[in-house]
């Protein structure tokens, strides 16, 4: 399937008049994707030229990585030993990082070069039990890589790998050392700033930005009971979600100088994908019936909602936006009325 259809604008505010054409949505399925419930295709990240990376779940419930060119050509891949491949990010040169799971359930990082060479990465100190191991989450234009690992005690530790292979582990100030405490990384911008979240000894989550020099700026939106950072752009602006005292989800944008703006405070639950160089944030939220809708929040604060036309309208169905690029194209997936996943790009 590779259909082009108009975007349906569903809710809360009018679309900004800043764009001259109405966006369109292209729906797609990776070859080999299964057609049963909880199978199908998920777009995860998008390069500035429109190349999309993601994964698909086949009819045997096995997960494989894919690259989809801007012209719609697919290439599937799996690191050796993988029984589940999950790309996370793609560089402007089409180098891809992510993670894969082996037959024992241990997690390993991988780097796939633009030429297709796959390299496995295991952080020093990474645990070797099921669900432990190494996670690569971001790659920048210099092909430095950000990630984190879970140790044998299931504590988190973040790290940076330079293009030359130098490995530096780091911890946010105040990070706990217990199970599921510690420091995670979420992304990496061109200048080498890393964003992420850390969990303290009381199991509360907070946000941080780490400068290339190694200094930290830790933060929480006012009243936050838990802060989760999702992405950082080249200006150092980060986006994420937090839990306010009301218990409802809320989004935030934090600029390089520390100013935090909240949004979506009336939404019950949602996720943030990425923030692009223009300050546009993409993600998804659920309505009161637990139907999901994609959104784009402009740098001016205007929010545009959208749904893939073939998205289901039942509970736990709908549209999930995962990433945007500099041109404002958005990729993600939707769940249809049968619970099958399909990829999309909104451009």
Protein backbone atom coordinates (compact mmCIF):
# COMPACT_ATOMS: atom_id res chain seq x y z
CA UNK A 1 0.00 0.00 0.00
CA UNK A 2 1.31 3.46 -0.89
CA UNK A 3 -1.65 5.83 -1.08
CA UNK A 4 -1.64 9.64 -1.16
CA UNK A 5 -4.60 11.27 0.54
CA UNK A 6 -5.44 14.72 1.95
CA UNK A 7 -4.82 15.35 5.62
CA UNK A 8 -7.94 15.49 7.79
CA UNK A 9 -7.75 18.37 10.25
CA UNK A 10 -9.65 17.39 13.33
CA UNK A 11 -9.43 19.75 16.20
CA UNK A 12 -8.56 22.40 18.46
CA UNK A 13 -7.25 25.38 16.52
CA UNK A 14 -7.14 26.65 12.97
CA UNK A 15 -4.11 25.85 10.84
CA UNK A 16 -1.58 28.61 10.49
CA UNK A 17 -1.61 30.26 7.09
CA UNK A 18 2.18 30.01 6.93
CA UNK A 19 2.18 27.10 4.44
CA UNK A 20 1.07 27.58 0.91
CA UNK A 21 -0.19 24.05 0.30
CA UNK A 22 -2.35 21.68 2.26
CA UNK A 23 -0.19 18.81 3.54
CA UNK A 24 -0.88 15.33 2.23
CA UNK A 25 -0.45 11.97 3.90
CA UNK A 26 1.19 9.03 2.17
CA UNK A 27 0.38 5.70 3.80
CA UNK A 28 2.77 2.78 3.32
CA UNK A 29 3.49 -0.82 4.28
CA UNK A 30 6.93 -2.41 4.25
CA UNK A 31 7.18 -5.56 2.10
CA UNK A 32 6.91 -8.56 4.42
CA UNK A 33 4.88 -6.75 7.06
CA UNK A 34 2.23 -8.92 8.72
CA UNK A 35 -1.46 -8.19 8.35
CA UNK A 36 -2.77 -9.36 11.71
CA UNK A 37 -3.37 -7.48 14.94
CA UNK A 38 -0.16 -5.96 16.39
CA UNK A 39 1.70 -6.62 13.17
CA UNK A 40 2.59 -4.17 10.39
CA UNK A 41 4.78 -1.13 9.75
CA UNK A 42 6.01 1.68 12.01
CA UNK A 43 7.87 4.80 10.81
CA UNK A 44 10.32 5.91 13.47
CA UNK A 45 12.63 8.67 12.11
CA UNK A 46 12.96 10.84 9.01
CA UNK A 47 15.99 12.50 7.39
CA UNK A 48 15.82 15.95 5.84
CA UNK A 49 15.64 14.47 2.32
CA UNK A 50 12.56 12.41 3.25
CA UNK A 51 14.29 9.07 3.85
CA UNK A 52 12.41 7.18 6.56
CA UNK A 53 13.68 4.47 8.87
CA UNK A 54 11.55 2.24 11.04
CA UNK A 55 10.62 -1.35 11.65
CA UNK A 56 8.00 -3.85 10.63
CA UNK A 57 6.51 -6.86 12.38
CA UNK A 58 6.04 -9.90 10.16
CA UNK A 59 3.43 -12.66 10.26
CA UNK A 60 5.63 -14.60 12.72
CA UNK A 61 5.70 -11.61 15.09
CA UNK A 62 9.39 -10.98 14.36
CA UNK A 63 10.58 -7.37 14.02
CA UNK A 64 12.88 -6.14 11.23
CA UNK A 65 14.42 -2.78 10.38
CA UNK A 66 13.73 -0.92 7.15
CA UNK A 67 14.79 2.11 5.14
CA UNK A 68 12.27 3.78 2.85
CA UNK A 69 13.72 6.19 0.30
CA UNK A 70 11.97 9.47 -0.47
CA UNK A 71 10.79 7.76 -3.66
CA UNK A 72 9.21 4.88 -1.75
CA UNK A 73 11.82 2.14 -2.26
CA UNK A 74 12.27 -0.18 0.73
CA UNK A 75 15.38 -1.91 2.03
CA UNK A 76 15.02 -4.33 4.96
CA UNK A 77 17.88 -5.16 7.33
CA UNK A 78 18.72 -6.99 10.55
CA UNK A 79 22.00 -7.08 12.47
CA UNK A 80 23.47 -10.60 12.78
CA UNK A 81 21.86 -12.49 15.66
CA UNK A 82 18.80 -10.23 15.83
CA UNK A 83 15.34 -11.54 16.63
CA UNK A 84 14.03 -7.98 16.89
CA UNK A 85 15.46 -4.86 15.20
CA UNK A 86 14.46 -1.32 16.24
CA UNK A 87 16.03 1.66 14.41
CA UNK A 88 15.92 4.88 16.42
CA UNK A 89 17.55 7.67 14.40
CA UNK A 90 18.99 8.46 10.96
CA UNK A 91 21.66 11.01 10.03
CA UNK A 92 21.69 13.30 7.00
CA UNK A 93 24.05 10.81 5.33
CA UNK A 94 21.64 7.91 6.07
CA UNK A 95 23.69 6.31 8.83
CA UNK A 96 21.25 4.60 11.20
CA UNK A 97 21.48 3.78 14.90
CA UNK A 98 19.18 1.74 17.08
CA UNK A 99 19.01 -1.46 19.06
CA UNK A 100 18.34 -5.13 18.50
CA UNK A 101 17.41 -8.01 20.76
CA UNK A 102 19.12 -11.39 20.61
CA UNK A 103 17.60 -14.83 21.25
CA UNK A 104 18.32 -14.51 24.98
CA UNK A 105 16.49 -11.19 25.23
CA UNK A 106 19.68 -9.14 25.70
CA UNK A 107 19.73 -5.71 23.99
CA UNK A 108 22.60 -4.55 21.76
CA UNK A 109 23.19 -1.27 19.95
CA UNK A 110 23.86 -1.13 16.23
CA UNK A 111 25.19 1.31 13.65
CA UNK A 112 24.30 0.78 10.00
CA UNK A 113 26.41 2.84 7.59
CA UNK A 114 24.94 4.47 4.49
CA UNK A 115 26.60 1.69 2.49
CA UNK A 116 24.84 -0.99 4.53
CA UNK A 117 27.65 -2.14 6.84
CA UNK A 118 26.28 -3.17 10.26
CA UNK A 119 28.34 -2.80 13.43
CA UNK A 120 27.18 -4.11 16.81
CA UNK A 121 27.89 -2.04 19.93
CA UNK A 122 27.93 -3.15 23.58
CA UNK A 123 28.74 -0.50 26.17
CA UNK A 124 31.32 -1.39 28.83
CA UNK A 125 29.32 -2.33 31.91
CA UNK A 126 26.13 -3.17 30.04
CA UNK A 127 24.08 -5.94 31.61
CA UNK A 128 23.78 -9.34 29.99
CA UNK A 129 20.38 -10.38 31.30
CA UNK A 130 17.09 -10.15 29.38
CA UNK A 131 15.99 -6.53 28.76
CA UNK A 132 19.41 -5.22 29.80
CA UNK A 133 22.12 -4.02 27.45
CA UNK A 134 22.90 -1.09 25.14
CA UNK A 135 20.53 1.37 23.43
CA UNK A 136 21.68 3.80 20.71
CA UNK A 137 19.23 6.69 20.35
CA UNK A 138 20.80 9.55 18.38
CA UNK A 139 23.35 10.32 15.67
CA UNK A 140 24.32 13.78 14.44
CA UNK A 141 25.87 15.23 11.31
CA UNK A 142 29.35 14.52 12.70
CA UNK A 143 28.26 10.90 13.24
CA UNK A 144 28.77 11.11 16.99
CA UNK A 145 26.29 8.81 18.74
CA UNK A 146 24.31 9.16 21.96
CA UNK A 147 22.89 6.28 23.92
CA UNK A 148 22.46 4.63 27.30
CA UNK A 149 22.79 1.20 28.84
CA UNK A 150 21.22 -0.84 31.62
CA UNK A 151 23.75 -2.52 33.88
CA UNK A 152 23.44 -5.85 35.71
CA UNK A 153 21.34 -4.10 38.38
CA UNK A 154 19.07 -2.51 35.73
CA UNK A 155 20.33 1.00 36.51
CA UNK A 156 20.62 3.47 33.59
CA UNK A 157 23.84 5.12 32.41
CA UNK A 158 24.10 7.53 29.46
CA UNK A 159 27.03 7.79 27.06
CA UNK A 160 28.52 9.51 24.02
CA UNK A 161 30.57 7.85 21.27
CA UNK A 162 32.59 10.11 18.98
CA UNK A 163 33.09 9.34 15.30
CA UNK A 164 36.60 8.23 16.20
CA UNK A 165 35.21 5.67 18.64
CA UNK A 166 35.94 7.42 21.93
CA UNK A 167 33.41 6.29 24.56
CA UNK A 168 32.36 8.57 27.44
CA UNK A 169 29.82 7.49 30.04
CA UNK A 170 28.13 10.19 32.13
CA UNK A 171 25.58 10.65 34.90
CA UNK A 172 23.32 13.60 35.58
CA UNK A 173 23.74 15.20 38.99
CA UNK A 174 21.18 13.72 41.35
CA UNK A 175 20.66 10.52 39.36
CA UNK A 176 19.86 7.49 41.50
CA UNK A 177 21.78 4.24 41.39
CA UNK A 178 18.99 1.75 42.11
CA UNK A 179 16.94 -0.42 39.77
CA UNK A 180 15.44 1.68 36.93
CA UNK A 181 17.13 4.78 38.30
CA UNK A 182 19.99 6.67 36.66
CA UNK A 183 20.52 8.61 33.43
CA UNK A 184 19.02 8.02 29.99
CA UNK A 185 19.77 9.87 26.74
CA UNK A 186 17.10 10.87 24.21
CA UNK A 187 18.88 12.70 21.40
CA UNK A 188 21.92 14.53 20.10
CA UNK A 189 22.12 17.76 18.11
CA UNK A 190 24.75 18.88 15.53
CA UNK A 191 26.81 20.79 18.10
CA UNK A 192 27.03 17.76 20.40
CA UNK A 193 24.43 18.69 23.02
CA UNK A 194 22.68 15.64 24.46
CA UNK A 195 19.21 15.74 25.98
CA UNK A 196 17.56 13.19 28.18
CA UNK A 197 15.96 12.34 31.50
CA UNK A 198 17.31 11.03 34.79
CA UNK A 199 15.59 9.23 37.64
CA UNK A 200 16.61 10.17 41.17
CA UNK A 201 16.85 8.00 44.29
CA UNK A 202 13.15 8.63 44.99
CA UNK A 203 12.27 7.40 41.48
CA UNK A 204 11.21 10.84 40.22
CA UNK A 205 12.20 11.74 36.66
CA UNK A 206 13.82 15.06 35.66
CA UNK A 207 15.13 16.59 32.43
CA UNK A 208 18.65 17.57 31.48
CA UNK A 209 20.77 18.97 28.66
CA UNK A 210 24.49 18.06 28.57
CA UNK A 211 26.81 20.50 26.78
CA UNK A 212 29.72 19.25 24.65
CA UNK A 213 32.01 20.42 27.49
CA UNK A 214 30.30 17.96 29.83
CA UNK A 215 28.40 20.51 31.93
CA UNK A 216 24.76 19.83 32.81
CA UNK A 217 21.61 21.92 32.91
CA UNK A 218 18.96 20.02 34.83
CA UNK A 219 15.37 21.21 34.87
CA UNK A 220 11.69 20.55 35.52
CA UNK A 221 8.67 22.53 34.37
CA UNK A 222 7.04 24.26 37.33
CA UNK A 223 4.92 21.82 39.35
CA UNK A 224 6.24 18.76 37.52
CA UNK A 225 5.88 15.40 39.22
CA UNK A 226 7.87 13.71 36.47
CA UNK A 227 9.74 15.16 33.46
CA UNK A 228 10.52 13.17 30.30
CA UNK A 229 12.61 14.76 27.54
CA UNK A 230 12.06 13.57 23.96
CA UNK A 231 14.18 15.60 21.54
CA UNK A 232 16.60 18.48 20.97
CA UNK A 233 17.12 20.68 17.89
CA UNK A 234 20.23 22.44 16.64
CA UNK A 235 19.42 25.60 18.61
CA UNK A 236 19.42 23.59 21.85
CA UNK A 237 15.63 23.80 22.33
CA UNK A 238 14.19 20.62 23.83
CA UNK A 239 10.68 19.21 23.90
CA UNK A 240 9.07 16.62 26.11
CA UNK A 241 6.23 15.79 28.46
CA UNK A 242 5.70 16.16 32.18
CA UNK A 243 3.15 15.20 34.80
CA UNK A 244 1.58 18.25 36.48
CA UNK A 245 -0.14 18.12 39.85
CA UNK A 246 -3.50 17.64 38.07
CA UNK A 247 -2.31 14.20 37.00
CA UNK A 248 -3.01 14.97 33.34
CA UNK A 249 -0.20 14.91 30.82
CA UNK A 250 1.34 18.15 29.58
CA UNK A 251 3.88 19.01 26.90
CA UNK A 252 6.69 21.51 27.18
CA UNK A 253 9.28 23.31 25.10
CA UNK A 254 12.45 24.57 26.80
CA UNK A 255 14.67 27.06 24.98
CA UNK A 256 18.45 27.22 25.27
CA UNK A 257 18.20 30.09 27.79
CA UNK A 258 15.96 28.03 30.08
CA UNK A 259 12.50 29.43 29.28
CA UNK A 260 9.85 26.69 29.52
CA UNK A 261 6.45 26.86 27.80
CA UNK A 262 3.75 24.30 28.56
CA UNK A 263 1.07 23.12 26.12
CA UNK A 264 -1.60 20.46 25.78
CA UNK A 265 -2.47 20.70 29.48
CA UNK A 266 -6.04 19.49 28.88
CA UNK A 267 -4.98 16.28 27.11
CA UNK A 268 -5.21 13.15 29.22
CA UNK A 269 -2.16 11.39 27.81
CA UNK A 270 0.24 11.91 24.93
CA UNK A 271 3.76 11.49 23.60
CA UNK A 272 6.30 13.80 21.98
CA UNK A 273 8.31 12.64 18.98
CA UNK A 274 10.90 15.24 17.96
CA UNK A 275 11.49 18.99 17.56
CA UNK A 276 12.96 20.27 14.29
CA UNK A 277 15.26 23.21 13.53
CA UNK A 278 12.25 25.51 13.06
CA UNK A 279 10.96 24.71 16.53
CA UNK A 280 8.05 22.58 15.31
CA UNK A 281 7.17 19.77 17.72
CA UNK A 282 5.41 16.62 16.61
CA UNK A 283 3.72 13.90 18.61
CA UNK A 284 0.33 12.38 19.42
CA UNK A 285 -2.36 12.54 22.06
CA UNK A 286 -5.41 10.54 23.14
CA UNK A 287 -8.99 11.77 23.43
CA UNK A 288 -11.43 10.68 26.14
CA UNK A 289 -12.19 7.50 24.16
CA UNK A 290 -8.46 6.64 23.96
CA UNK A 291 -8.35 7.32 20.22
CA UNK A 292 -4.98 8.76 19.18
CA UNK A 293 -4.38 11.79 16.94
CA UNK A 294 -1.14 13.17 15.54
CA UNK A 295 -0.24 16.81 16.00
CA UNK A 296 2.26 19.45 14.96
CA UNK A 297 2.89 22.41 17.26
CA UNK A 298 4.41 25.34 15.43
CA UNK A 299 7.08 27.58 16.92
CA UNK A 300 4.30 30.17 17.31
CA UNK A 301 2.35 27.78 19.57
CA UNK A 302 -0.38 26.93 17.07
CA UNK A 303 -1.32 23.24 17.20
CA UNK A 304 -2.58 21.36 14.15
CA UNK A 305 -4.19 17.97 14.64
CA UNK A 306 -4.35 15.29 11.96
CA UNK A 307 -5.31 11.68 11.36
CA UNK A 308 -4.28 9.19 8.74
CA UNK A 309 -7.47 8.62 6.71
CA UNK A 310 -7.45 4.85 7.27
CA UNK A 311 -6.76 5.08 10.99
CA UNK A 312 -9.18 3.26 13.28
CA UNK A 313 -11.53 5.19 15.51
CA UNK A 314 -11.71 2.72 18.40
CA UNK A 315 -9.90 2.59 21.72
CA UNK A 316 -6.10 2.23 21.30
CA UNK A 317 -6.43 2.95 17.58
CA UNK A 318 -5.60 6.07 15.61
CA UNK A 319 -2.54 8.05 14.48
CA UNK A 320 0.87 8.24 16.16
CA UNK A 321 3.41 10.83 14.95
CA UNK A 322 6.99 9.90 15.85
CA UNK A 323 9.35 12.34 14.11
CA UNK A 324 9.65 15.40 11.88
CA UNK A 325 12.42 16.83 9.72
CA UNK A 326 13.64 20.32 8.85
CA UNK A 327 11.11 20.61 6.00
CA UNK A 328 8.26 19.82 8.40
CA UNK A 329 7.52 16.33 7.02
CA UNK A 330 6.24 13.97 9.73
CA UNK A 331 6.47 10.20 9.93
CA UNK A 332 4.88 7.69 12.26
CA UNK A 333 2.23 5.01 12.05
CA UNK A 334 -1.45 4.44 12.45
CA UNK A 335 -3.47 1.54 13.82
CA UNK A 336 -6.43 0.52 11.68
CA UNK A 337 -9.79 -0.86 12.82
CA UNK A 338 -8.32 -4.39 12.92
CA UNK A 339 -5.38 -3.39 15.10
CA UNK A 340 -2.82 -3.59 12.25
CA UNK A 341 0.00 -1.01 12.04
CA UNK A 342 0.74 1.01 8.87
CA UNK A 343 3.39 3.67 8.26
CA UNK A 344 2.74 7.19 7.00
CA UNK A 345 4.51 10.36 6.01
CA UNK A 346 2.73 13.73 6.18
CA UNK A 347 4.36 16.25 3.84
